[in-house]
């Protein structure tokens, strides 16, 4: 297997610290370097999260956007020496967020909270009708079948048999594993 052949599912989201005001320049420079080096399979997505807000001035309201996390850029990548080097040597990058600047990937919960991913990715390993086990909460250790997904909220509806009756319960995506 070629070193460049990778499992697309191995990519994780990382947070990169940048100089203030350089977020978009860092994103553009990294996009260009990734394309030039043919590393699209290793560095899959680069984002500067934005949020919308309404500004009222002189009685006129205008919809505007601002950076959710000034001085930070989010990168979905497969961490190896080559990708680490590309990110660290991008003009405007001061380092990865993590202890002693060691890259620490975001958890699924953090990715969901930041809203940088389509929640369909989180449920990509599950199918409707599949048997799952609840791993925490009031229904812990019970087994049920997936009835539906609510991608916007990061929730899953599971039919669980309790007291001889099938009961539909709504759970967070991180409360289930395959049975």
Protein backbone atom coordinates (compact mmCIF):
# COMPACT_ATOMS: atom_id res chain seq x y z
CA UNK A 1 0.00 0.00 0.00
CA UNK A 2 1.33 3.40 -1.01
CA UNK A 3 2.00 5.74 1.92
CA UNK A 4 -0.27 8.33 0.25
CA UNK A 5 -3.21 5.87 0.05
CA UNK A 6 -5.28 6.73 3.08
CA UNK A 7 -8.56 5.95 4.72
CA UNK A 8 -10.82 8.98 4.21
CA UNK A 9 -12.50 8.25 7.57
CA UNK A 10 -9.16 8.72 9.38
CA UNK A 11 -9.30 12.50 8.89
CA UNK A 12 -9.96 14.53 12.05
CA UNK A 13 -10.65 18.20 12.69
CA UNK A 14 -7.80 20.23 14.20
CA UNK A 15 -7.67 23.86 15.36
CA UNK A 16 -4.85 26.09 14.13
CA UNK A 17 -3.91 29.38 15.77
CA UNK A 18 -3.08 32.25 13.41
CA UNK A 19 -2.00 35.85 13.62
CA UNK A 20 -4.95 38.15 14.23
CA UNK A 21 -6.64 39.07 10.95
CA UNK A 22 -4.77 36.39 8.96
CA UNK A 23 -7.49 33.70 9.12
CA UNK A 24 -8.65 34.06 5.50
CA UNK A 25 -5.09 34.50 4.18
CA UNK A 26 -4.05 31.30 5.99
CA UNK A 27 -7.05 29.45 4.52
CA UNK A 28 -6.30 30.69 0.99
CA UNK A 29 -2.56 29.91 1.26
CA UNK A 30 -3.22 26.42 2.64
CA UNK A 31 -5.83 25.71 -0.07
CA UNK A 32 -3.27 26.69 -2.73
CA UNK A 33 -0.47 24.59 -1.19
CA UNK A 34 -2.75 21.56 -0.82
CA UNK A 35 -3.79 21.82 -4.48
CA UNK A 36 -0.23 22.41 -5.72
CA UNK A 37 1.11 19.39 -3.81
CA UNK A 38 -1.85 17.14 -4.64
CA UNK A 39 -2.65 16.58 -0.96
CA UNK A 40 -6.46 16.85 -1.21
CA UNK A 41 -6.75 13.31 0.17
CA UNK A 42 -4.77 14.27 3.29
CA UNK A 43 -6.01 17.81 3.98
CA UNK A 44 -9.69 17.56 3.12
CA UNK A 45 -11.27 20.78 4.41
CA UNK A 46 -10.13 24.17 5.71
CA UNK A 47 -12.65 26.52 7.31
CA UNK A 48 -12.88 29.90 8.98
CA UNK A 49 -16.21 29.55 10.85
CA UNK A 50 -18.46 32.58 10.39
CA UNK A 51 -21.65 33.63 12.15
CA UNK A 52 -24.41 35.93 10.94
CA UNK A 53 -25.68 38.84 13.00
CA UNK A 54 -27.90 41.86 12.52
CA UNK A 55 -26.48 45.34 12.97
CA UNK A 56 -28.83 48.29 13.46
CA UNK A 57 -27.52 51.74 12.59
CA UNK A 58 -29.68 54.85 12.30
CA UNK A 59 -32.82 52.69 12.35
CA UNK A 60 -31.62 50.51 9.44
CA UNK A 61 -30.93 46.83 10.08
CA UNK A 62 -28.26 45.05 8.05
CA UNK A 63 -27.33 41.36 8.07
CA UNK A 64 -23.58 40.94 8.48
CA UNK A 65 -21.08 38.17 9.14
CA UNK A 66 -18.15 37.94 11.52
CA UNK A 67 -15.60 35.31 12.48
CA UNK A 68 -16.85 33.01 15.22
CA UNK A 69 -13.31 32.39 16.51
CA UNK A 70 -10.93 35.21 15.64
CA UNK A 71 -7.33 34.01 15.17
CA UNK A 72 -8.39 30.37 14.61
CA UNK A 73 -8.80 28.18 11.53
CA UNK A 74 -10.27 24.66 11.49
CA UNK A 75 -8.65 21.98 9.33
CA UNK A 76 -9.94 18.47 8.59
CA UNK A 77 -6.87 16.40 7.87
CA UNK A 78 -5.04 13.16 8.34
CA UNK A 79 -2.17 13.94 10.68
CA UNK A 80 1.26 12.83 9.48
CA UNK A 81 4.68 14.46 9.12
CA UNK A 82 3.87 15.85 5.67
CA UNK A 83 0.56 17.50 6.67
CA UNK A 84 1.96 18.76 9.98
CA UNK A 85 4.86 20.37 8.12
CA UNK A 86 2.56 22.00 5.53
CA UNK A 87 0.30 23.52 8.20
CA UNK A 88 3.11 24.68 10.51
CA UNK A 89 4.97 26.33 7.62
CA UNK A 90 2.02 28.26 6.25
CA UNK A 91 2.58 32.01 6.55
CA UNK A 92 0.48 33.41 9.41
CA UNK A 93 0.17 30.14 11.37
CA UNK A 94 1.53 30.25 14.92
CA UNK A 95 0.77 26.60 15.74
CA UNK A 96 -1.77 23.93 16.50
CA UNK A 97 -4.06 24.20 19.50
CA UNK A 98 -3.09 21.61 22.09
CA UNK A 99 -0.70 21.05 24.98
CA UNK A 100 2.81 22.21 24.05
CA UNK A 101 1.46 22.94 20.54
CA UNK A 102 0.96 19.21 19.95
CA UNK A 103 -2.07 18.77 17.68
CA UNK A 104 -5.12 17.35 19.46
CA UNK A 105 -8.10 16.45 17.25
CA UNK A 106 -11.54 17.76 18.15
CA UNK A 107 -14.00 15.24 19.58
CA UNK A 108 -17.21 14.45 17.68
CA UNK A 109 -19.11 16.50 20.28
CA UNK A 110 -16.86 19.53 19.73
CA UNK A 111 -17.24 19.22 15.95
CA UNK A 112 -21.01 19.08 16.38
CA UNK A 113 -21.02 22.14 18.67
CA UNK A 114 -18.85 24.13 16.26
CA UNK A 115 -21.20 23.27 13.41
CA UNK A 116 -18.36 22.66 10.96
CA UNK A 117 -19.59 19.33 9.72
CA UNK A 118 -22.71 17.92 8.22
CA UNK A 119 -24.17 15.74 10.98
CA UNK A 120 -24.71 13.05 8.35
CA UNK A 121 -20.98 12.37 8.71
CA UNK A 122 -21.47 11.53 12.39
CA UNK A 123 -24.13 8.94 11.57
CA UNK A 124 -22.33 7.66 8.47
CA UNK A 125 -21.62 4.29 10.10
CA UNK A 126 -25.26 3.68 11.06
CA UNK A 127 -28.31 2.69 9.05
CA UNK A 128 -32.04 2.72 9.78
CA UNK A 129 -33.06 -0.68 11.13
CA UNK A 130 -29.59 -1.39 12.53
CA UNK A 131 -29.29 -2.80 16.07
CA UNK A 132 -27.50 -0.53 18.54
CA UNK A 133 -26.71 -0.56 22.25
CA UNK A 134 -27.19 2.50 24.45
CA UNK A 135 -23.93 3.25 26.29
CA UNK A 136 -25.04 5.99 28.71
CA UNK A 137 -28.06 7.75 30.11
CA UNK A 138 -31.27 6.31 31.57
CA UNK A 139 -31.48 3.59 28.88
CA UNK A 140 -27.89 2.41 29.35
CA UNK A 141 -27.17 -1.20 28.29
CA UNK A 142 -30.52 -1.57 26.49
CA UNK A 143 -30.46 -2.71 22.86
CA UNK A 144 -32.76 -1.35 20.18
CA UNK A 145 -33.08 -0.61 16.48
CA UNK A 146 -32.55 2.73 14.75
CA UNK A 147 -35.84 4.25 13.60
CA UNK A 148 -34.71 7.64 12.25
CA UNK A 149 -32.06 10.38 12.38
CA UNK A 150 -32.39 14.10 13.11
CA UNK A 151 -29.22 15.41 11.46
CA UNK A 152 -29.83 19.04 12.45
CA UNK A 153 -29.92 18.23 16.17
CA UNK A 154 -27.44 15.34 16.14
CA UNK A 155 -30.11 12.99 17.51
CA UNK A 156 -31.23 9.47 16.68
CA UNK A 157 -34.56 7.78 17.44
CA UNK A 158 -34.21 4.21 18.64
CA UNK A 159 -36.96 1.67 19.32
CA UNK A 160 -36.18 -0.09 22.62
CA UNK A 161 -38.17 -2.92 24.17
CA UNK A 162 -39.00 -2.04 27.78
CA UNK A 163 -41.45 -3.87 30.03
CA UNK A 164 -42.66 -5.95 27.10
CA UNK A 165 -43.48 -2.89 24.94
CA UNK A 166 -41.57 -1.19 22.14
CA UNK A 167 -40.76 2.39 23.10
CA UNK A 168 -39.34 5.04 20.78
CA UNK A 169 -36.64 7.13 22.51
CA UNK A 170 -34.56 10.05 21.21
CA UNK A 171 -30.84 9.86 21.98
CA UNK A 172 -27.71 11.86 21.20
CA UNK A 173 -25.47 10.33 18.54
CA UNK A 174 -22.75 9.71 21.16
CA UNK A 175 -25.05 7.58 23.31
CA UNK A 176 -25.12 4.60 20.94
CA UNK A 177 -22.74 1.99 19.57
CA UNK A 178 -23.33 -0.92 17.22
CA UNK A 179 -24.77 -3.93 19.04
